[in-house]
Amino acid sequence: MSSEIDKAQKAKDRRNNIIVIVLSVVLVAVLVLFFMERRDHKVMVNEVKAEKDSIQFELTQIATSYDSLKTENDTINEALFVAQAKVKDLLLEVEQTKKVSYSKISDYQKQVTTLRGIMRDFVVQIDSLNARNEQLMAENREVKQQYKEVEQQNLQLSKEKENLQQNLKRAAMLETRELNAEALNNRSKETKFAKRAEKIRIYFVLGKNATAKRGPKNIYARIMRPDQLLMVKSENDVFQFEDLKIQYSAMREVVYEGKDLPVAIFWDNTNEAELMPGEYIINLFADGNEIGQTTLEIK
């Protein structure tokens, strides 16, 4: 009887030991699974956090890139403002989200990819506009340079034309030679004495000139007395010289045909006060130009 009880007790002890061993193995397995799951969860959390940080970094870079995009196109500037606002809104959402899942991370990544593509499109548009603007500015500078060159050429041509006109005017100007003046007495003989002088004769030859205008011409003489007063018959005896009308002492109309033409102009002192002794200065004018000068000395 005692032997059977011992056998039963031993069998019970073996069963209990087996149960304890099995439970121990199960506990160990559960603990292993728990720590493995905890490790995997931690790895997943770190990965999600790293992805979130990467997304925040990319969004920050995109926002900074938008700040550097410059254009004078109002339509593009308005679109830039809207796109940049979307980037900042998404960045704020990502920063404020505490619990992020893989699906949420995937959604954020898709949005980042879209926003990056939009920014690239803006870069291409702005680069294209800037390149076009540079080309237009270069063309504008070229046109301005060409205009400046044309303006300078026109100025040069105007100067050359003016010089040519002046040369033609000088070439067409009448010239005198053998110019002299003498006082004549009442017998039309030369005299050196003022009290005997009744006339002053001015003699000269209009020189040959192929470019001078032909036809009737008025030759004006101005006789300045020794006291620097102009000898005149009437205050209405005037002619045009440059921008002024000036008085003349005597005038002679001639017909000039481009060949040598002897001319004599007389100042009649009859019924005038006696000529004073001294040096008289005589200037000749024609076609608005001074064409000669001489002096007359009488005692």
Protein backbone atom coordinates (compact mmCIF):
# COMPACT_ATOMS: atom_id res chain seq x y z
CA MET A 1 0.00 0.00 0.00
CA SER A 2 2.80 2.36 0.92
CA SER A 3 4.58 1.49 -2.30
CA GLU A 4 1.60 2.50 -4.39
CA ILE A 5 1.28 5.81 -2.56
CA ASP A 6 4.93 6.60 -3.24
CA LYS A 7 4.50 5.81 -6.90
CA ALA A 8 1.44 8.07 -7.11
CA GLN A 9 3.30 10.87 -5.36
CA LYS A 10 6.27 10.58 -7.72
CA ALA A 11 3.97 10.65 -10.72
CA LYS A 12 2.29 13.76 -9.37
CA ASP A 13 5.63 15.45 -8.77
CA ARG A 14 6.78 14.69 -12.34
CA ARG A 15 3.53 16.13 -13.69
CA ASN A 16 3.93 19.27 -11.62
CA ASN A 17 7.52 19.65 -12.78
CA ILE A 18 6.47 19.28 -16.38
CA ILE A 19 3.76 21.90 -15.89
CA VAL A 20 6.28 24.25 -14.29
CA ILE A 21 8.73 23.72 -17.13
CA VAL A 22 6.05 24.26 -19.75
CA LEU A 23 4.81 27.41 -18.02
CA SER A 24 8.38 28.67 -17.74
CA VAL A 25 8.96 28.09 -21.44
CA VAL A 26 5.68 29.85 -22.25
CA LEU A 27 6.60 32.78 -20.00
CA VAL A 28 10.01 33.09 -21.60
CA ALA A 29 8.45 32.99 -25.05
CA VAL A 30 5.90 35.64 -24.08
CA LEU A 31 8.63 37.86 -22.66
CA VAL A 32 10.73 37.40 -25.81
CA LEU A 33 7.75 38.30 -27.99
CA PHE A 34 6.98 41.32 -25.77
CA PHE A 35 10.50 42.70 -25.97
CA MET A 36 10.72 42.01 -29.71
CA GLU A 37 7.41 43.80 -30.30
CA ARG A 38 8.51 46.67 -28.10
CA ARG A 39 11.80 46.90 -29.98
CA ASP A 40 10.01 46.83 -33.33
CA HIS A 41 7.58 49.53 -32.14
CA LYS A 42 10.46 51.71 -31.01
CA VAL A 43 12.18 51.23 -34.36
CA MET A 44 8.94 52.11 -36.15
CA VAL A 45 8.46 55.23 -33.99
CA ASN A 46 12.03 56.35 -34.70
CA GLU A 47 11.57 55.74 -38.41
CA VAL A 48 8.30 57.71 -38.45
CA LYS A 49 9.95 60.53 -36.48
CA ALA A 50 12.89 60.56 -38.90
CA GLU A 51 10.51 60.71 -41.86
CA LYS A 52 8.60 63.54 -40.18
CA ASP A 53 11.83 65.47 -39.56
CA SER A 54 12.87 64.89 -43.18
CA ILE A 55 9.51 66.19 -44.41
CA GLN A 56 9.81 69.27 -42.19
CA PHE A 57 13.33 69.90 -43.49
CA GLU A 58 12.22 69.59 -47.13
CA LEU A 59 9.24 71.89 -46.55
CA THR A 60 11.52 74.45 -44.88
CA GLN A 61 13.90 74.30 -47.86
CA ILE A 62 11.01 74.70 -50.32
CA ALA A 63 9.68 77.71 -48.37
CA THR A 64 13.17 79.26 -48.36
CA SER A 65 13.50 78.62 -52.09
CA TYR A 66 10.23 80.46 -52.70
CA ASP A 67 11.69 83.50 -50.91
CA SER A 68 14.53 83.60 -53.42
CA LEU A 69 12.25 83.50 -56.48
CA LYS A 70 11.94 87.01 -57.92
CA THR A 71 10.02 88.23 -60.95
CA GLU A 72 8.23 91.37 -62.11
CA ASN A 73 5.36 89.33 -63.57
CA ASP A 74 2.29 90.03 -61.42
CA THR A 75 0.49 86.82 -62.42
CA ILE A 76 3.44 84.61 -61.45
CA ASN A 77 3.97 86.61 -58.23
CA GLU A 78 0.36 85.95 -57.23
CA ALA A 79 0.72 82.21 -57.97
CA LEU A 80 4.01 82.18 -56.02
CA PHE A 81 2.28 83.69 -53.01
CA VAL A 82 -0.47 81.04 -53.08
CA ALA A 83 1.99 78.16 -53.50
CA GLN A 84 4.24 79.46 -50.73
CA ALA A 85 1.22 79.77 -48.41
CA LYS A 86 0.39 76.08 -49.09
CA VAL A 87 3.96 75.08 -48.18
CA LYS A 88 3.84 77.05 -44.93
CA ASP A 89 0.42 75.64 -44.02
CA LEU A 90 1.62 72.06 -44.59
CA LEU A 91 4.81 72.74 -42.61
CA LEU A 92 2.75 74.08 -39.71
CA GLU A 93 0.45 71.03 -39.86
CA VAL A 94 3.41 68.62 -39.79
CA GLU A 95 5.04 70.48 -36.88
CA GLN A 96 1.81 70.44 -34.82
CA THR A 97 0.97 66.75 -35.51
CA LYS A 98 2.10 64.68 -32.50
CA LYS A 99 1.06 61.19 -33.57
CA VAL A 100 2.00 60.36 -37.12
CA SER A 101 1.25 57.10 -38.87
CA TYR A 102 2.92 55.54 -41.88
CA SER A 103 -0.14 56.39 -43.96
CA LYS A 104 0.02 60.02 -42.83
CA ILE A 105 3.74 60.14 -43.60
CA SER A 106 3.03 58.74 -47.04
CA ASP A 107 0.36 61.42 -47.62
CA TYR A 108 2.77 64.16 -46.49
CA GLN A 109 5.46 62.83 -48.82
CA LYS A 110 3.07 62.92 -51.76
CA GLN A 111 2.16 66.52 -50.97
CA VAL A 112 5.84 67.46 -50.62
CA THR A 113 6.57 65.87 -54.01
CA THR A 114 3.72 67.86 -55.57
CA LEU A 115 4.84 71.13 -53.96
CA ARG A 116 8.45 70.53 -55.03
CA GLY A 117 7.27 69.93 -58.61
CA ILE A 118 5.25 73.15 -58.53
CA MET A 119 8.29 75.05 -57.30
CA ARG A 120 10.42 73.59 -60.10
CA ASP A 121 7.82 74.73 -62.62
CA PHE A 122 8.04 78.24 -61.15
CA VAL A 123 11.84 78.13 -61.38
CA VAL A 124 11.62 77.15 -65.05
CA GLN A 125 9.06 79.90 -65.78
CA ILE A 126 11.02 82.58 -63.95
CA ASP A 127 14.33 81.53 -65.52
CA SER A 128 12.64 81.67 -68.91
CA LEU A 129 11.21 85.12 -68.17
CA ASN A 130 14.53 86.36 -66.82
CA ALA A 131 16.34 85.03 -69.87
CA ARG A 132 13.76 86.74 -72.10
CA ASN A 133 14.10 89.94 -70.09
CA GLU A 134 17.88 89.79 -70.42
CA GLN A 135 17.49 89.28 -74.15
CA LEU A 136 15.04 92.19 -74.39
CA MET A 137 17.36 94.38 -72.30
CA ALA A 138 20.28 93.42 -74.53
CA GLU A 139 18.18 94.20 -77.61
CA ASN A 140 17.10 97.46 -76.01
CA ARG A 141 20.72 98.39 -75.29
CA GLU A 142 21.61 97.48 -78.86
CA VAL A 143 18.74 99.59 -80.22
CA LYS A 144 19.77 102.50 -77.99
CA GLN A 145 23.36 102.14 -79.17
CA GLN A 146 22.22 102.03 -82.79
CA TYR A 147 19.98 105.06 -82.18
CA LYS A 148 22.88 106.86 -80.55
CA GLU A 149 25.13 106.00 -83.49
CA VAL A 150 22.46 107.17 -85.96
CA GLU A 151 22.01 110.33 -83.90
CA GLN A 152 25.76 110.94 -83.96
CA GLN A 153 25.83 110.24 -87.69
CA ASN A 154 22.96 112.69 -88.21
CA LEU A 155 24.76 115.25 -86.08
CA GLN A 156 27.92 114.68 -88.09
CA LEU A 157 25.96 114.98 -91.33
CA SER A 158 24.32 118.17 -90.05
CA LYS A 159 27.74 119.60 -89.22
CA GLU A 160 29.09 118.55 -92.59
CA LYS A 161 26.05 120.04 -94.28
CA GLU A 162 26.46 123.25 -92.30
CA ASN A 163 30.16 123.37 -93.16
CA LEU A 164 29.34 122.70 -96.80
CA GLN A 165 26.76 125.47 -96.79
CA GLN A 166 29.23 127.81 -95.16
CA ASN A 167 31.88 126.83 -97.69
CA LEU A 168 29.42 127.35 -100.52
CA LYS A 169 28.42 130.67 -99.02
CA ARG A 170 32.06 131.72 -98.73
CA ALA A 171 32.73 130.45 -102.24
CA ALA A 172 29.75 132.41 -103.56
CA MET A 173 30.71 135.60 -101.69
CA LEU A 174 31.78 138.47 -103.87
CA GLU A 175 35.35 139.70 -103.52
CA THR A 176 36.89 143.01 -104.41
CA ARG A 177 40.34 143.89 -105.61
CA GLU A 178 42.08 147.15 -106.55
CA LEU A 179 39.94 148.82 -103.89
CA ASN A 180 40.84 152.46 -103.28
CA ALA A 181 39.18 155.76 -102.41
CA GLU A 182 40.06 159.33 -103.36
CA ALA A 183 38.71 162.80 -102.74
CA LEU A 184 37.72 164.83 -105.85
CA ASN A 185 37.48 168.60 -106.27
CA ASN A 186 34.84 170.49 -108.24
CA ARG A 187 36.64 169.59 -111.49
CA SER A 188 36.58 165.86 -110.60
CA LYS A 189 40.33 165.92 -110.03
CA GLU A 190 41.94 164.17 -107.09
CA THR A 191 42.75 166.39 -104.14
CA LYS A 192 44.42 165.82 -100.79
CA PHE A 193 42.78 168.78 -99.09
CA ALA A 194 39.53 168.50 -97.18
CA LYS A 195 38.38 172.07 -97.89
CA ARG A 196 38.56 171.42 -101.66
CA ALA A 197 36.92 168.00 -101.62
CA GLU A 198 33.39 167.88 -103.03
CA LYS A 199 33.18 164.16 -103.74
CA ILE A 200 34.65 160.90 -102.57
CA ARG A 201 35.06 158.26 -105.23
CA ILE A 202 35.35 154.62 -104.23
CA TYR A 203 36.71 152.43 -107.01
CA PHE A 204 37.09 148.65 -107.10
CA VAL A 205 36.70 145.57 -109.25
CA LEU A 206 34.20 142.83 -108.34
CA GLY A 207 36.19 139.68 -108.98
CA LYS A 208 35.25 136.76 -111.18
CA ASN A 209 33.24 134.11 -109.32
CA ALA A 210 31.56 131.13 -111.02
CA THR A 211 29.47 130.20 -107.93
CA ALA A 212 28.18 133.67 -107.05
CA LYS A 213 24.56 134.45 -107.81
CA ARG A 214 24.15 136.43 -111.01
CA GLY A 215 21.88 139.38 -111.66
CA PRO A 216 21.21 142.80 -110.11
CA LYS A 217 23.10 143.50 -106.90
CA ASN A 218 23.24 146.46 -104.55
CA ILE A 219 26.70 147.46 -103.38
CA TYR A 220 26.63 149.51 -100.17
CA ALA A 221 29.42 151.78 -98.90
CA ARG A 222 29.78 152.97 -95.31
CA ILE A 223 32.11 155.94 -94.85
CA MET A 224 33.25 156.61 -91.28
CA ARG A 225 34.60 160.12 -90.59
CA PRO A 226 37.75 160.67 -88.53
CA ASP A 227 35.53 161.45 -85.52
CA GLN A 228 33.91 158.00 -85.87
CA LEU A 229 30.60 159.36 -87.14
CA LEU A 230 28.96 157.66 -90.13
CA MET A 231 28.37 159.87 -93.14
CA VAL A 232 24.71 159.44 -94.22
CA LYS A 233 22.23 161.30 -96.40
CA SER A 234 19.04 159.94 -94.80
CA GLU A 235 18.21 157.89 -91.75
CA ASN A 236 16.09 155.71 -94.04
CA ASP A 237 19.12 154.60 -96.03
CA VAL A 238 19.54 151.15 -94.45
CA PHE A 239 20.33 147.60 -95.61
CA GLN A 240 20.19 144.13 -94.05
CA PHE A 241 23.43 142.87 -92.54
CA GLU A 242 23.22 139.62 -90.59
CA ASP A 243 20.36 140.17 -88.08
CA LEU A 244 20.46 143.98 -88.22
CA LYS A 245 19.43 146.80 -90.46
CA ILE A 246 22.32 149.26 -90.63
CA GLN A 247 22.77 152.60 -92.35
CA TYR A 248 24.86 153.18 -95.43
CA SER A 249 26.52 156.24 -96.87
CA ALA A 250 26.19 155.49 -100.61
CA MET A 251 24.80 152.70 -102.77
CA ARG A 252 25.27 151.50 -106.33
CA GLU A 253 23.22 148.92 -108.20
CA VAL A 254 25.15 146.74 -110.63
CA VAL A 255 24.38 143.73 -112.81
CA TYR A 256 26.85 140.99 -112.04
CA GLU A 257 27.39 138.11 -114.49
CA GLY A 258 30.14 136.24 -112.71
CA LYS A 259 32.95 138.08 -114.50
CA ASP A 260 35.26 140.90 -113.44
CA LEU A 261 33.18 144.05 -113.06
CA PRO A 262 34.71 147.52 -112.44
CA VAL A 263 32.53 149.59 -110.11
CA ALA A 264 32.68 153.17 -108.83
CA ILE A 265 30.56 154.52 -105.98
CA PHE A 266 30.42 158.25 -105.22
CA TRP A 267 29.72 160.26 -102.12
CA ASP A 268 28.55 163.72 -103.17
CA ASN A 269 29.52 166.28 -100.54
CA THR A 270 27.81 169.18 -102.33
CA ASN A 271 25.55 171.14 -99.96
CA GLU A 272 27.15 169.29 -97.05
CA ALA A 273 29.46 170.62 -94.38
CA GLU A 274 33.11 170.76 -95.35
CA LEU A 275 34.94 167.47 -94.95
CA MET A 276 37.22 167.37 -91.93
CA PRO A 277 40.89 166.45 -92.24
CA GLY A 278 41.96 163.02 -91.10
CA GLU A 279 41.54 159.37 -91.95
CA TYR A 280 38.24 158.03 -93.34
CA ILE A 281 37.44 154.32 -93.09
CA ILE A 282 35.38 152.88 -95.92
CA ASN A 283 33.63 149.47 -95.82
CA LEU A 284 31.82 147.78 -98.70
CA PHE A 285 28.91 145.32 -98.41
CA ALA A 286 26.97 143.12 -100.83
CA ASP A 287 24.57 140.16 -100.42
CA GLY A 288 24.69 140.60 -96.63
CA ASN A 289 28.48 140.22 -96.50
CA GLU A 290 31.34 142.67 -96.02
CA ILE A 291 33.39 142.45 -99.19
CA GLY A 292 36.13 145.02 -98.69
CA GLN A 293 37.69 147.84 -96.64
CA THR A 294 39.99 150.72 -97.40
CA THR A 295 41.00 154.12 -95.96
CA LEU A 296 41.20 157.65 -97.27
CA GLU A 297 43.58 160.27 -95.80
CA ILE A 298 42.90 163.98 -96.50
CA LYS A 299 44.47 167.11 -95.01
